[in-house]
Amino acid sequence: MEYVIDAVSTVSVWMRPYLSEIGLSMAATLLVIFGDDIVTFLKKQIGSLKFFLKLTLFILFCAFGFAFLTSFVTPLLVKQLASVPNLWLAPMIIVMFYGIGLLAQKKNML
């Protein structure tokens, strides 16, 4: 059992320098999964506006809104992951990616 704990802790130590990349990949994948829902909500909100204003708002949201969401969510994920002890970090990251995969499967993306 001690060997398994040491192996998991070692893998977690290897992952720790890459937490910002791991958090970014999780945030980006979640935006891919839920991006269509966000855009549909946005279309409903701005649907009654004039074409030029609607187009401008849509472009601004897609260009800057998704970038803002990514830059906002990523540090939150990284901060939470950084607070996890080494014994649980690697298993938690694996479970989170599987959870994201299950969300993608539920939305028929796989």
Protein backbone atom coordinates (compact mmCIF):
# COMPACT_ATOMS: atom_id res chain seq x y z
CA MET A 1 0.00 0.00 0.00
CA GLU A 2 2.90 2.33 0.76
CA TYR A 3 4.15 1.84 -2.82
CA VAL A 4 0.81 2.98 -4.26
CA ILE A 5 0.72 6.07 -2.04
CA ASP A 6 4.30 6.95 -3.06
CA ALA A 7 3.49 6.45 -6.75
CA VAL A 8 0.37 8.63 -6.58
CA SER A 9 2.25 11.32 -4.66
CA THR A 10 5.08 11.25 -7.19
CA VAL A 11 2.69 11.65 -10.12
CA SER A 12 1.02 14.52 -8.28
CA VAL A 13 4.38 16.22 -7.75
CA TRP A 14 5.06 15.86 -11.49
CA MET A 15 1.66 17.44 -12.28
CA ARG A 16 1.98 20.39 -9.92
CA PRO A 17 4.16 22.60 -12.20
CA TYR A 18 1.55 22.19 -14.93
CA LEU A 19 -1.56 23.11 -12.93
CA SER A 20 -2.12 26.30 -14.94
CA GLU A 21 -2.15 24.30 -18.19
CA ILE A 22 -4.38 21.65 -16.66
CA GLY A 23 -6.79 24.31 -15.38
CA LEU A 24 -6.79 26.05 -18.76
CA SER A 25 -7.57 22.81 -20.57
CA MET A 26 -10.45 22.11 -18.17
CA ALA A 27 -11.87 25.63 -18.54
CA ALA A 28 -11.55 25.56 -22.33
CA THR A 29 -13.16 22.13 -22.55
CA LEU A 30 -16.05 23.25 -20.36
CA LEU A 31 -16.54 26.29 -22.60
CA VAL A 32 -16.63 24.02 -25.64
CA ILE A 33 -19.22 21.82 -23.97
CA PHE A 34 -21.42 24.67 -22.71
CA GLY A 35 -20.57 27.29 -25.34
CA ASP A 36 -23.60 26.46 -27.45
CA ASP A 37 -25.90 26.92 -24.44
CA ILE A 38 -24.26 30.27 -23.66
CA VAL A 39 -24.60 31.46 -27.27
CA THR A 40 -28.24 30.32 -27.40
CA PHE A 41 -28.95 32.28 -24.21
CA LEU A 42 -27.21 35.32 -25.68
CA LYS A 43 -29.21 35.06 -28.90
CA LYS A 44 -32.45 35.03 -26.90
CA GLN A 45 -31.38 38.09 -24.94
CA ILE A 46 -30.39 40.19 -27.96
CA GLY A 47 -32.84 38.73 -30.48
CA SER A 48 -35.11 41.76 -30.64
CA LEU A 49 -32.37 44.31 -31.34
CA LYS A 50 -31.49 45.80 -34.72
CA PHE A 51 -29.25 43.66 -36.92
CA PHE A 52 -26.09 45.78 -36.66
CA LEU A 53 -26.33 46.10 -32.88
CA LYS A 54 -27.13 42.42 -32.53
CA LEU A 55 -24.15 41.47 -34.70
CA THR A 56 -21.83 43.81 -32.82
CA LEU A 57 -22.88 42.47 -29.42
CA PHE A 58 -22.55 38.89 -30.61
CA ILE A 59 -19.04 39.51 -31.96
CA LEU A 60 -17.99 41.31 -28.79
CA PHE A 61 -19.31 38.54 -26.58
CA CYS A 62 -17.73 35.78 -28.63
CA ALA A 63 -14.40 37.60 -28.90
CA PHE A 64 -14.14 39.05 -25.43
CA GLY A 65 -16.77 37.25 -23.38
CA PHE A 66 -15.36 33.77 -23.87
CA ALA A 67 -11.83 35.10 -23.33
CA PHE A 68 -12.97 36.74 -20.10
CA LEU A 69 -14.70 33.56 -18.94
CA THR A 70 -11.57 31.55 -19.70
CA SER A 71 -9.29 34.00 -17.90
CA PHE A 72 -11.69 34.15 -14.94
CA VAL A 73 -12.37 30.42 -14.51
CA THR A 74 -8.81 29.18 -15.06
CA PRO A 75 -7.24 30.86 -12.00
CA LEU A 76 -10.12 29.65 -9.84
CA LEU A 77 -9.53 26.07 -10.96
CA VAL A 78 -5.77 26.39 -10.51
CA LYS A 79 -6.19 27.84 -7.02
CA GLN A 80 -8.48 24.99 -6.00
CA LEU A 81 -6.20 22.37 -7.51
CA ALA A 82 -3.13 23.90 -5.84
CA SER A 83 -4.76 23.53 -2.42
CA VAL A 84 -5.24 19.76 -2.85
CA PRO A 85 -2.63 17.58 -1.09
CA ASN A 86 -0.31 15.50 -3.26
CA LEU A 87 -2.00 12.26 -2.25
CA TRP A 88 -5.27 13.42 -3.84
CA LEU A 89 -4.14 15.73 -6.65
CA ALA A 90 -3.55 13.18 -9.43
CA PRO A 91 -6.70 11.15 -8.68
CA MET A 92 -8.76 14.36 -8.47
CA ILE A 93 -7.50 15.62 -11.83
CA ILE A 94 -8.25 12.26 -13.45
CA VAL A 95 -11.75 12.21 -11.94
CA MET A 96 -12.38 15.79 -13.05
CA PHE A 97 -11.38 15.00 -16.64
CA TYR A 98 -13.61 11.93 -16.60
CA GLY A 99 -16.43 14.10 -15.23
CA ILE A 100 -15.89 16.58 -18.06
CA GLY A 101 -15.96 13.65 -20.47
CA LEU A 102 -19.24 12.47 -18.99
CA LEU A 103 -20.69 15.95 -19.45
CA ALA A 104 -19.59 15.88 -23.09
CA GLN A 105 -21.17 12.44 -23.50
CA LYS A 106 -24.40 13.67 -21.93
CA LYS A 107 -24.51 16.53 -24.44
CA ASN A 108 -23.87 14.05 -27.30
CA MET A 109 -20.45 15.46 -28.12
CA LEU A 110 -18.67 12.10 -28.01
